[in-house]
């Protein structure tokens, strides 16, 4: 097959469901830890957050916990 034939073949394939499901954006707020590993809530009351794409809110909570290593308060889906 020529290069253009490969490109045409790839273009005709339907998008995988993983790509469609991972298009949801989430913002997860968490409680940070201090240098000793103890929970250290913010003095201002504003919790830090991480933002990324995930298949659903449960997956977002799991990813946020693995990324930060801190307890995650909530996952909020970001529209738009």
C-alpha atoms as a PDB file:
ATOM      1  CA  UNK A   1       0.000   0.000   0.000  1.00  0.00           C
ATOM      2  CA  UNK A   2       1.159   3.489  -0.727  1.00  0.00           C
ATOM      3  CA  UNK A   3       1.283   6.198   1.882  1.00  0.00           C
ATOM      4  CA  UNK A   4      -1.913   7.852   0.626  1.00  0.00           C
ATOM      5  CA  UNK A   5      -3.696   4.497   0.704  1.00  0.00           C
ATOM      6  CA  UNK A   6      -2.743   4.099   4.384  1.00  0.00           C
ATOM      7  CA  UNK A   7      -3.976   7.599   5.145  1.00  0.00           C
ATOM      8  CA  UNK A   8      -7.271   6.948   3.373  1.00  0.00           C
ATOM      9  CA  UNK A   9      -7.722   3.664   5.243  1.00  0.00           C
ATOM     10  CA  UNK A  10      -7.115   5.379   8.617  1.00  0.00           C
ATOM     11  CA  UNK A  11      -9.506   8.200   7.737  1.00  0.00           C
ATOM     12  CA  UNK A  12     -12.323   5.737   7.018  1.00  0.00           C
ATOM     13  CA  UNK A  13     -12.066   4.048  10.449  1.00  0.00           C
ATOM     14  CA  UNK A  14     -14.583   5.135  13.069  1.00  0.00           C
ATOM     15  CA  UNK A  15     -13.200   6.925  16.121  1.00  0.00           C
ATOM     16  CA  UNK A  16     -12.677   4.657  19.100  1.00  0.00           C
ATOM     17  CA  UNK A  17     -15.036   5.026  22.060  1.00  0.00           C
ATOM     18  CA  UNK A  18     -12.080   5.737  24.346  1.00  0.00           C
ATOM     19  CA  UNK A  19     -11.346   8.958  22.487  1.00  0.00           C
ATOM     20  CA  UNK A  20     -14.991  10.034  22.723  1.00  0.00           C
ATOM     21  CA  UNK A  21     -15.310   9.176  26.439  1.00  0.00           C
ATOM     22  CA  UNK A  22     -12.068  10.919  27.385  1.00  0.00           C
ATOM     23  CA  UNK A  23     -13.317  14.212  25.992  1.00  0.00           C
ATOM     24  CA  UNK A  24     -14.916  15.236  29.316  1.00  0.00           C
ATOM     25  CA  UNK A  25     -12.962  17.735  31.368  1.00  0.00           C
ATOM     26  CA  UNK A  26     -12.939  17.645  35.173  1.00  0.00           C
ATOM     27  CA  UNK A  27     -11.608  19.899  37.926  1.00  0.00           C
ATOM     28  CA  UNK A  28     -10.791  18.052  41.149  1.00  0.00           C
ATOM     29  CA  UNK A  29     -10.223  19.916  44.399  1.00  0.00           C
ATOM     30  CA  UNK A  30      -8.094  18.317  47.078  1.00  0.00           C
ATOM     31  CA  UNK A  31      -6.717  18.859  50.587  1.00  0.00           C
ATOM     32  CA  UNK A  32      -2.933  19.414  50.389  1.00  0.00           C
ATOM     33  CA  UNK A  33      -0.348  17.902  52.733  1.00  0.00           C
ATOM     34  CA  UNK A  34       2.508  19.668  54.503  1.00  0.00           C
ATOM     35  CA  UNK A  35       6.179  18.622  54.341  1.00  0.00           C
ATOM     36  CA  UNK A  36       5.604  15.961  57.019  1.00  0.00           C
ATOM     37  CA  UNK A  37       2.648  14.438  55.174  1.00  0.00           C
ATOM     38  CA  UNK A  38      -0.046  15.804  57.493  1.00  0.00           C
ATOM     39  CA  UNK A  39      -3.206  17.267  55.965  1.00  0.00           C
ATOM     40  CA  UNK A  40      -2.934  21.036  55.743  1.00  0.00           C
ATOM     41  CA  UNK A  41      -6.169  22.760  54.659  1.00  0.00           C
ATOM     42  CA  UNK A  42      -5.852  26.210  53.141  1.00  0.00           C
ATOM     43  CA  UNK A  43      -6.071  29.190  55.505  1.00  0.00           C
ATOM     44  CA  UNK A  44      -8.144  31.121  52.957  1.00  0.00           C
ATOM     45  CA  UNK A  45     -10.689  28.340  52.522  1.00  0.00           C
ATOM     46  CA  UNK A  46      -9.936  27.949  48.808  1.00  0.00           C
ATOM     47  CA  UNK A  47      -8.865  24.399  48.016  1.00  0.00           C
ATOM     48  CA  UNK A  48      -6.215  23.786  45.335  1.00  0.00           C
ATOM     49  CA  UNK A  49      -7.277  21.864  42.248  1.00  0.00           C
ATOM     50  CA  UNK A  50      -6.025  19.840  39.305  1.00  0.00           C
ATOM     51  CA  UNK A  51      -7.727  19.809  35.942  1.00  0.00           C
ATOM     52  CA  UNK A  52      -7.647  17.111  33.241  1.00  0.00           C
ATOM     53  CA  UNK A  53      -9.690  14.852  30.963  1.00  0.00           C
ATOM     54  CA  UNK A  54     -11.292  11.616  32.200  1.00  0.00           C
ATOM     55  CA  UNK A  55     -14.005   9.172  31.151  1.00  0.00           C
ATOM     56  CA  UNK A  56     -16.241   9.948  34.160  1.00  0.00           C
ATOM     57  CA  UNK A  57     -16.225  11.517  37.637  1.00  0.00           C
ATOM     58  CA  UNK A  58     -15.143   8.293  39.350  1.00  0.00           C
ATOM     59  CA  UNK A  59     -12.130   7.992  37.054  1.00  0.00           C
ATOM     60  CA  UNK A  60     -11.369  11.684  37.621  1.00  0.00           C
ATOM     61  CA  UNK A  61     -11.312  11.181  41.404  1.00  0.00           C
ATOM     62  CA  UNK A  62      -8.972   8.215  41.036  1.00  0.00           C
ATOM     63  CA  UNK A  63      -6.621  10.066  38.674  1.00  0.00           C
ATOM     64  CA  UNK A  64      -6.555  13.148  40.922  1.00  0.00           C
ATOM     65  CA  UNK A  65      -5.689  11.046  43.958  1.00  0.00           C
ATOM     66  CA  UNK A  66      -2.859   9.293  42.074  1.00  0.00           C
ATOM     67  CA  UNK A  67      -1.486  12.597  40.742  1.00  0.00           C
ATOM     68  CA  UNK A  68      -1.596  14.584  43.990  1.00  0.00           C
ATOM     69  CA  UNK A  69      -1.272  11.839  46.611  1.00  0.00           C
ATOM     70  CA  UNK A  70      -3.791  13.806  48.667  1.00  0.00           C
ATOM     71  CA  UNK A  71      -7.435  13.214  49.613  1.00  0.00           C
ATOM     72  CA  UNK A  72      -9.710  14.505  46.845  1.00  0.00           C
ATOM     73  CA  UNK A  73     -12.724  16.542  47.945  1.00  0.00           C
ATOM     74  CA  UNK A  74     -14.777  16.522  44.737  1.00  0.00           C
ATOM     75  CA  UNK A  75     -14.721  16.208  40.958  1.00  0.00           C
ATOM     76  CA  UNK A  76     -16.616  18.828  38.964  1.00  0.00           C
ATOM     77  CA  UNK A  77     -17.317  18.368  35.262  1.00  0.00           C
ATOM     78  CA  UNK A  78     -16.382  21.427  33.221  1.00  0.00           C
ATOM     79  CA  UNK A  79     -18.757  22.151  30.350  1.00  0.00           C
ATOM     80  CA  UNK A  80     -17.854  24.024  27.223  1.00  0.00           C
END
